[in-house]
Amino acid sequence: MAWIWNSLTVVAVFSCSKLEKLPFVNFSSSGIIIIYGTSEWWEGLQWENSTREALQSHFVETNEKDTEISALLQPQVNYDV
């Protein structure tokens, strides 16, 4: 099953060894700018059609201990009310 992800721009996957397939197809992933994860996870994914080729240039190898990635993934809270 492929879902439509029009507004999704960043994907970060860590410590999800059982995640074997991303629910994307080429047309549903057009907004994705960057995908973070380990190379082992990326190489182990099961792909449909040419989705991997379409997303390969967006993949950045990293790990959850990367401080830049950790900061990026922290919830953004706006206290100005």
PDB file of N, CA and C in Angstrom:
ATOM      1  N   MET A   1       0.847  -1.175   0.000  1.00  0.00           N
ATOM      2  CA  MET A   1       0.000   0.000   0.000  1.00  0.00           C
ATOM      3  C   MET A   1       0.889   1.234   0.000  1.00  0.00           C
ATOM      4  N   ALA A   2       0.626   2.137  -0.900  1.00  0.00           N
ATOM      5  CA  ALA A   2       1.373   3.394  -0.964  1.00  0.00           C
ATOM      6  C   ALA A   2       0.450   4.531  -0.556  1.00  0.00           C
ATOM      7  N   TRP A   3       0.979   5.425   0.231  1.00  0.00           N
ATOM      8  CA  TRP A   3       0.208   6.564   0.701  1.00  0.00           C
ATOM      9  C   TRP A   3       0.673   7.816  -0.016  1.00  0.00           C
ATOM     10  N   ILE A   4      -0.167   8.822   0.006  1.00  0.00           N
ATOM     11  CA  ILE A   4       0.195  10.118  -0.576  1.00  0.00           C
ATOM     12  C   ILE A   4       0.757  10.990   0.535  1.00  0.00           C
ATOM     13  N   TRP A   5       1.947  11.528   0.328  1.00  0.00           N
ATOM     14  CA  TRP A   5       2.657  12.324   1.337  1.00  0.00           C
ATOM     15  C   TRP A   5       3.024  13.675   0.748  1.00  0.00           C
ATOM     16  N   ASN A   6       2.067  14.452   0.350  1.00  0.00           N
ATOM     17  CA  ASN A   6       2.337  15.729  -0.316  1.00  0.00           C
ATOM     18  C   ASN A   6       3.143  16.715   0.523  1.00  0.00           C
ATOM     19  N   SER A   7       2.949  16.743   1.838  1.00  0.00           N
ATOM     20  CA  SER A   7       3.603  17.742   2.683  1.00  0.00           C
ATOM     21  C   SER A   7       4.836  17.214   3.407  1.00  0.00           C
ATOM     22  N   LEU A   8       5.130  15.944   3.274  1.00  0.00           N
ATOM     23  CA  LEU A   8       6.274  15.350   3.963  1.00  0.00           C
ATOM     24  C   LEU A   8       7.562  15.782   3.273  1.00  0.00           C
ATOM     25  N   THR A   9       8.466  16.410   4.041  1.00  0.00           N
ATOM     26  CA  THR A   9       9.726  16.874   3.454  1.00  0.00           C
ATOM     27  C   THR A   9      10.953  16.207   4.059  1.00  0.00           C
ATOM     28  N   VAL A  10      10.869  15.765   5.328  1.00  0.00           N
ATOM     29  CA  VAL A  10      12.005  15.143   6.002  1.00  0.00           C
ATOM     30  C   VAL A  10      11.557  13.819   6.597  1.00  0.00           C
ATOM     31  N   VAL A  11      12.368  12.785   6.378  1.00  0.00           N
ATOM     32  CA  VAL A  11      12.122  11.474   6.957  1.00  0.00           C
ATOM     33  C   VAL A  11      13.381  11.086   7.721  1.00  0.00           C
ATOM     34  N   ALA A  12      13.229  10.665   8.978  1.00  0.00           N
ATOM     35  CA  ALA A  12      14.361  10.200   9.779  1.00  0.00           C
ATOM     36  C   ALA A  12      13.963   8.883  10.420  1.00  0.00           C
ATOM     37  N   VAL A  13      14.736   7.844  10.161  1.00  0.00           N
ATOM     38  CA  VAL A  13      14.425   6.518  10.683  1.00  0.00           C
ATOM     39  C   VAL A  13      15.636   6.004  11.442  1.00  0.00           C
ATOM     40  N   PHE A  14      15.437   5.712  12.735  1.00  0.00           N
ATOM     41  CA  PHE A  14      16.497   5.171  13.581  1.00  0.00           C
ATOM     42  C   PHE A  14      15.913   4.090  14.472  1.00  0.00           C
ATOM     43  N   SER A  15      16.668   3.063  14.718  1.00  0.00           N
ATOM     44  CA  SER A  15      16.278   1.978  15.621  1.00  0.00           C
ATOM     45  C   SER A  15      14.949   1.349  15.216  1.00  0.00           C
ATOM     46  N   CYS A  16      14.743   1.208  13.935  1.00  0.00           N
ATOM     47  CA  CYS A  16      13.523   0.576  13.402  1.00  0.00           C
ATOM     48  C   CYS A  16      13.928  -0.547  12.459  1.00  0.00           C
ATOM     49  N   SER A  17      14.622  -1.526  12.979  1.00  0.00           N
ATOM     50  CA  SER A  17      15.164  -2.590  12.135  1.00  0.00           C
ATOM     51  C   SER A  17      14.075  -3.406  11.439  1.00  0.00           C
ATOM     52  N   LYS A  18      12.861  -3.390  11.959  1.00  0.00           N
ATOM     53  CA  LYS A  18      11.788  -4.162  11.331  1.00  0.00           C
ATOM     54  C   LYS A  18      11.036  -3.375  10.257  1.00  0.00           C
ATOM     55  N   LEU A  19      11.373  -2.113  10.092  1.00  0.00           N
ATOM     56  CA  LEU A  19      10.772  -1.325   9.023  1.00  0.00           C
ATOM     57  C   LEU A  19      11.482  -1.702   7.729  1.00  0.00           C
ATOM     58  N   GLU A  20      10.818  -2.514   6.926  1.00  0.00           N
ATOM     59  CA  GLU A  20      11.438  -3.066   5.727  1.00  0.00           C
ATOM     60  C   GLU A  20      10.970  -2.411   4.438  1.00  0.00           C
ATOM     61  N   LYS A  21       9.941  -1.584   4.533  1.00  0.00           N
ATOM     62  CA  LYS A  21       9.372  -1.003   3.319  1.00  0.00           C
ATOM     63  C   LYS A  21       8.812   0.369   3.635  1.00  0.00           C
ATOM     64  N   LEU A  22       9.090   1.332   2.779  1.00  0.00           N
ATOM     65  CA  LEU A  22       8.520   2.658   2.939  1.00  0.00           C
ATOM     66  C   LEU A  22       7.248   2.740   2.092  1.00  0.00           C
ATOM     67  N   PRO A  23       6.203   3.351   2.615  1.00  0.00           N
ATOM     68  CA  PRO A  23       4.937   3.403   1.879  1.00  0.00           C
ATOM     69  C   PRO A  23       4.906   4.537   0.855  1.00  0.00           C
ATOM     70  N   PHE A  24       5.923   4.582   0.008  1.00  0.00           N
ATOM     71  CA  PHE A  24       6.017   5.624  -1.007  1.00  0.00           C
ATOM     72  C   PHE A  24       6.013   4.992  -2.390  1.00  0.00           C
ATOM     73  N   VAL A  25       5.548   5.749  -3.329  1.00  0.00           N
ATOM     74  CA  VAL A  25       5.795   5.491  -4.740  1.00  0.00           C
ATOM     75  C   VAL A  25       6.260   6.820  -5.311  1.00  0.00           C
ATOM     76  N   ASN A  26       6.824   6.814  -6.490  1.00  0.00           N
ATOM     77  CA  ASN A  26       7.414   8.039  -7.046  1.00  0.00           C
ATOM     78  C   ASN A  26       6.511   9.256  -6.933  1.00  0.00           C
ATOM     79  N   PHE A  27       5.273   9.130  -7.362  1.00  0.00           N
ATOM     80  CA  PHE A  27       4.410  10.305  -7.385  1.00  0.00           C
ATOM     81  C   PHE A  27       4.008  10.770  -5.999  1.00  0.00           C
ATOM     82  N   SER A  28       4.044   9.891  -4.996  1.00  0.00           N
ATOM     83  CA  SER A  28       3.602  10.284  -3.658  1.00  0.00           C
ATOM     84  C   SER A  28       4.727  10.858  -2.812  1.00  0.00           C
ATOM     85  N   SER A  29       5.940  10.812  -3.299  1.00  0.00           N
ATOM     86  CA  SER A  29       7.084  11.259  -2.502  1.00  0.00           C
ATOM     87  C   SER A  29       7.755  12.483  -3.100  1.00  0.00           C
ATOM     88  N   SER A  30       7.063  13.217  -3.930  1.00  0.00           N
ATOM     89  CA  SER A  30       7.684  14.322  -4.646  1.00  0.00           C
ATOM     90  C   SER A  30       8.111  15.477  -3.746  1.00  0.00           C
ATOM     91  N   GLY A  31       7.538  15.590  -2.540  1.00  0.00           N
ATOM     92  CA  GLY A  31       7.905  16.675  -1.643  1.00  0.00           C
ATOM     93  C   GLY A  31       9.078  16.366  -0.741  1.00  0.00           C
ATOM     94  N   ILE A  32       9.529  15.123  -0.720  1.00  0.00           N
ATOM     95  CA  ILE A  32      10.610  14.728   0.172  1.00  0.00           C
ATOM     96  C   ILE A  32      11.910  15.400  -0.243  1.00  0.00           C
ATOM     97  N   ILE A  33      12.518  16.056   0.729  1.00  0.00           N
ATOM     98  CA  ILE A  33      13.778  16.746   0.488  1.00  0.00           C
ATOM     99  C   ILE A  33      14.952  15.906   0.980  1.00  0.00           C
ATOM    100  N   ILE A  34      14.777  15.265   2.150  1.00  0.00           N
ATOM    101  CA  ILE A  34      15.894  14.523   2.737  1.00  0.00           C
ATOM    102  C   ILE A  34      15.380  13.339   3.545  1.00  0.00           C
ATOM    103  N   ILE A  35      16.143  12.246   3.496  1.00  0.00           N
ATOM    104  CA  ILE A  35      15.840  11.036   4.264  1.00  0.00           C
ATOM    105  C   ILE A  35      17.087  10.688   5.054  1.00  0.00           C
ATOM    106  N   TYR A  36      16.963  10.636   6.381  1.00  0.00           N
ATOM    107  CA  TYR A  36      18.084  10.285   7.250  1.00  0.00           C
ATOM    108  C   TYR A  36      17.933   8.847   7.729  1.00  0.00           C
ATOM    109  N   GLY A  37      19.034   8.122   7.804  1.00  0.00           N
ATOM    110  CA  GLY A  37      19.028   6.769   8.345  1.00  0.00           C
ATOM    111  C   GLY A  37      20.397   6.139   8.190  1.00  0.00           C
ATOM    112  N   THR A  38      20.516   4.923   8.663  1.00  0.00           N
ATOM    113  CA  THR A  38      21.790   4.209   8.522  1.00  0.00           C
ATOM    114  C   THR A  38      21.844   3.545   7.150  1.00  0.00           C
ATOM    115  N   SER A  39      23.045   3.336   6.659  1.00  0.00           N
ATOM    116  CA  SER A  39      23.181   2.689   5.350  1.00  0.00           C
ATOM    117  C   SER A  39      22.672   1.254   5.408  1.00  0.00           C
ATOM    118  N   GLU A  40      22.835   0.586   6.546  1.00  0.00           N
ATOM    119  CA  GLU A  40      22.343  -0.786   6.678  1.00  0.00           C
ATOM    120  C   GLU A  40      20.827  -0.831   6.506  1.00  0.00           C
ATOM    121  N   TRP A  41      20.129   0.120   7.125  1.00  0.00           N
ATOM    122  CA  TRP A  41      18.674   0.186   6.990  1.00  0.00           C
ATOM    123  C   TRP A  41      18.287   0.467   5.542  1.00  0.00           C
ATOM    124  N   TRP A  42      18.916   1.452   4.941  1.00  0.00           N
ATOM    125  CA  TRP A  42      18.591   1.847   3.574  1.00  0.00           C
ATOM    126  C   TRP A  42      18.795   0.685   2.597  1.00  0.00           C
ATOM    127  N   GLU A  43      19.933   0.013   2.730  1.00  0.00           N
ATOM    128  CA  GLU A  43      20.251  -1.097   1.827  1.00  0.00           C
ATOM    129  C   GLU A  43      19.312  -2.283   2.032  1.00  0.00           C
ATOM    130  N   GLY A  44      18.755  -2.420   3.232  1.00  0.00           N
ATOM    131  CA  GLY A  44      17.872  -3.542   3.528  1.00  0.00           C
ATOM    132  C   GLY A  44      16.412  -3.336   3.160  1.00  0.00           C
ATOM    133  N   LEU A  45      16.056  -2.123   2.727  1.00  0.00           N
ATOM    134  CA  LEU A  45      14.663  -1.847   2.393  1.00  0.00           C
ATOM    135  C   LEU A  45      14.214  -2.602   1.150  1.00  0.00           C
ATOM    136  N   GLN A  46      12.937  -2.971   1.145  1.00  0.00           N
ATOM    137  CA  GLN A  46      12.311  -3.575  -0.028  1.00  0.00           C
ATOM    138  C   GLN A  46      11.637  -2.439  -0.799  1.00  0.00           C
ATOM    139  N   TRP A  47      11.808  -2.427  -2.107  1.00  0.00           N
ATOM    140  CA  TRP A  47      11.320  -1.319  -2.920  1.00  0.00           C
ATOM    141  C   TRP A  47      10.338  -1.790  -3.972  1.00  0.00           C
ATOM    142  N   GLU A  48       9.444  -0.880  -4.348  1.00  0.00           N
ATOM    143  CA  GLU A  48       8.527  -1.117  -5.450  1.00  0.00           C
ATOM    144  C   GLU A  48       8.930  -0.223  -6.613  1.00  0.00           C
ATOM    145  N   ASN A  49       8.835  -0.773  -7.823  1.00  0.00           N
ATOM    146  CA  ASN A  49       9.092  -0.015  -9.045  1.00  0.00           C
ATOM    147  C   ASN A  49      10.440   0.687  -8.981  1.00  0.00           C
ATOM    148  N   SER A  50      10.489   1.926  -9.365  1.00  0.00           N
ATOM    149  CA  SER A  50      11.745   2.682  -9.395  1.00  0.00           C
ATOM    150  C   SER A  50      11.814   3.700  -8.263  1.00  0.00           C
ATOM    151  N   THR A  51      11.117   3.441  -7.175  1.00  0.00           N
ATOM    152  CA  THR A  51      11.071   4.387  -6.067  1.00  0.00           C
ATOM    153  C   THR A  51      12.450   4.612  -5.461  1.00  0.00           C
ATOM    154  N   ARG A  52      13.237   3.556  -5.308  1.00  0.00           N
ATOM    155  CA  ARG A  52      14.574   3.714  -4.729  1.00  0.00           C
ATOM    156  C   ARG A  52      15.413   4.673  -5.557  1.00  0.00           C
ATOM    157  N   GLU A  53      15.396   4.494  -6.860  1.00  0.00           N
ATOM    158  CA  GLU A  53      16.179   5.380  -7.727  1.00  0.00           C
ATOM    159  C   GLU A  53      15.722   6.829  -7.577  1.00  0.00           C
ATOM    160  N   ALA A  54      14.420   7.022  -7.418  1.00  0.00           N
ATOM    161  CA  ALA A  54      13.890   8.381  -7.284  1.00  0.00           C
ATOM    162  C   ALA A  54      14.292   9.023  -5.964  1.00  0.00           C
ATOM    163  N   LEU A  55      14.447   8.212  -4.921  1.00  0.00           N
ATOM    164  CA  LEU A  55      14.741   8.746  -3.589  1.00  0.00           C
ATOM    165  C   LEU A  55      16.213   8.665  -3.196  1.00  0.00           C
ATOM    166  N   GLN A  56      17.020   7.919  -3.927  1.00  0.00           N
ATOM    167  CA  GLN A  56      18.427   7.709  -3.569  1.00  0.00           C
ATOM    168  C   GLN A  56      19.176   9.019  -3.354  1.00  0.00           C
ATOM    169  N   SER A  57      18.958   9.994  -4.197  1.00  0.00           N
ATOM    170  CA  SER A  57      19.692  11.261  -4.078  1.00  0.00           C
ATOM    171  C   SER A  57      19.273  12.062  -2.843  1.00  0.00           C
ATOM    172  N   HIS A  58      18.163  11.688  -2.213  1.00  0.00           N
ATOM    173  CA  HIS A  58      17.676  12.380  -1.019  1.00  0.00           C
ATOM    174  C   HIS A  58      18.169  11.726   0.273  1.00  0.00           C
ATOM    175  N   PHE A  59      18.776  10.547   0.160  1.00  0.00           N
ATOM    176  CA  PHE A  59      19.215   9.803   1.340  1.00  0.00           C
ATOM    177  C   PHE A  59      20.540  10.335   1.865  1.00  0.00           C
ATOM    178  N   VAL A  60      20.591  10.545   3.198  1.00  0.00           N
ATOM    179  CA  VAL A  60      21.812  10.970   3.876  1.00  0.00           C
ATOM    180  C   VAL A  60      22.092   9.972   4.994  1.00  0.00           C
ATOM    181  N   GLU A  61      23.234   9.306   4.898  1.00  0.00           N
ATOM    182  CA  GLU A  61      23.603   8.333   5.920  1.00  0.00           C
ATOM    183  C   GLU A  61      23.977   9.060   7.204  1.00  0.00           C
ATOM    184  N   THR A  62      23.383   8.631   8.299  1.00  0.00           N
ATOM    185  CA  THR A  62      23.664   9.224   9.600  1.00  0.00           C
ATOM    186  C   THR A  62      23.222   8.233  10.669  1.00  0.00           C
ATOM    187  N   ASN A  63      23.300   8.640  11.918  1.00  0.00           N
ATOM    188  CA  ASN A  63      22.805   7.806  13.002  1.00  0.00           C
ATOM    189  C   ASN A  63      22.126   8.692  14.028  1.00  0.00           C
ATOM    190  N   GLU A  64      21.401   8.073  14.943  1.00  0.00           N
ATOM    191  CA  GLU A  64      20.614   8.851  15.901  1.00  0.00           C
ATOM    192  C   GLU A  64      21.464   9.630  16.891  1.00  0.00           C
ATOM    193  N   LYS A  65      22.755   9.360  16.957  1.00  0.00           N
ATOM    194  CA  LYS A  65      23.626  10.084  17.872  1.00  0.00           C
ATOM    195  C   LYS A  65      24.184  11.352  17.234  1.00  0.00           C
ATOM    196  N   ASP A  66      23.894  11.568  15.979  1.00  0.00           N
ATOM    197  CA  ASP A  66      24.324  12.771  15.274  1.00  0.00           C
ATOM    198  C   ASP A  66      23.604  13.960  15.902  1.00  0.00           C
ATOM    199  N   THR A  67      24.345  14.867  16.499  1.00  0.00           N
ATOM    200  CA  THR A  67      23.726  15.971  17.239  1.00  0.00           C
ATOM    201  C   THR A  67      22.961  16.928  16.330  1.00  0.00           C
ATOM    202  N   GLU A  68      23.425  17.123  15.118  1.00  0.00           N
ATOM    203  CA  GLU A  68      22.712  18.005  14.189  1.00  0.00           C
ATOM    204  C   GLU A  68      21.338  17.427  13.846  1.00  0.00           C
ATOM    205  N   ILE A  69      21.292  16.139  13.627  1.00  0.00           N
ATOM    206  CA  ILE A  69      20.021  15.475  13.308  1.00  0.00           C
ATOM    207  C   ILE A  69      19.112  15.483  14.530  1.00  0.00           C
ATOM    208  N   SER A  70      19.657  15.199  15.692  1.00  0.00           N
ATOM    209  CA  SER A  70      18.859  15.198  16.922  1.00  0.00           C
ATOM    210  C   SER A  70      18.211  16.552  17.152  1.00  0.00           C
ATOM    211  N   ALA A  71      18.951  17.623  16.930  1.00  0.00           N
ATOM    212  CA  ALA A  71      18.403  18.968  17.111  1.00  0.00           C
ATOM    213  C   ALA A  71      17.299  19.239  16.097  1.00  0.00           C
ATOM    214  N   LEU A  72      17.502  18.795  14.886  1.00  0.00           N
ATOM    215  CA  LEU A  72      16.504  18.995  13.841  1.00  0.00           C
ATOM    216  C   LEU A  72      15.195  18.290  14.171  1.00  0.00           C
ATOM    217  N   LEU A  73      15.279  17.147  14.808  1.00  0.00           N
ATOM    218  CA  LEU A  73      14.094  16.337  15.080  1.00  0.00           C
ATOM    219  C   LEU A  73      13.363  16.707  16.358  1.00  0.00           C
ATOM    220  N   GLN A  74      13.913  17.639  17.135  1.00  0.00           N
ATOM    221  CA  GLN A  74      13.233  18.068  18.354  1.00  0.00           C
ATOM    222  C   GLN A  74      11.974  18.849  17.984  1.00  0.00           C
ATOM    223  N   PRO A  75      10.904  18.649  18.729  1.00  0.00           N
ATOM    224  CA  PRO A  75       9.673  19.390  18.440  1.00  0.00           C
ATOM    225  C   PRO A  75       9.908  20.891  18.541  1.00  0.00           C
ATOM    226  N   GLN A  76       9.343  21.609  17.609  1.00  0.00           N
ATOM    227  CA  GLN A  76       9.445  23.062  17.615  1.00  0.00           C
ATOM    228  C   GLN A  76       8.223  23.628  18.328  1.00  0.00           C
ATOM    229  N   VAL A  77       8.459  24.316  19.421  1.00  0.00           N
ATOM    230  CA  VAL A  77       7.370  24.853  20.223  1.00  0.00           C
ATOM    231  C   VAL A  77       7.393  26.365  20.137  1.00  0.00           C
ATOM    232  N   ASN A  78       6.258  26.946  19.879  1.00  0.00           N
ATOM    233  CA  ASN A  78       6.137  28.386  19.828  1.00  0.00           C
ATOM    234  C   ASN A  78       5.397  28.839  21.083  1.00  0.00           C
ATOM    235  N   TYR A  79       6.106  29.512  21.970  1.00  0.00           N
ATOM    236  CA  TYR A  79       5.517  29.972  23.226  1.00  0.00           C
ATOM    237  C   TYR A  79       4.896  31.344  23.116  1.00  0.00           C
ATOM    238  N   ASP A  80       4.992  31.972  21.961  1.00  0.00           N
ATOM    239  CA  ASP A  80       4.377  33.288  21.750  1.00  0.00           C
ATOM    240  C   ASP A  80       2.888  33.102  21.490  1.00  0.00           C
ATOM    241  N   VAL A  81       2.083  33.422  22.500  1.00  0.00           N
ATOM    242  CA  VAL A  81       0.625  33.291  22.316  1.00  0.00           C
ATOM    243  C   VAL A  81      -0.072  34.589  22.539  1.00  0.00           C
TER     244      VAL A  81
END
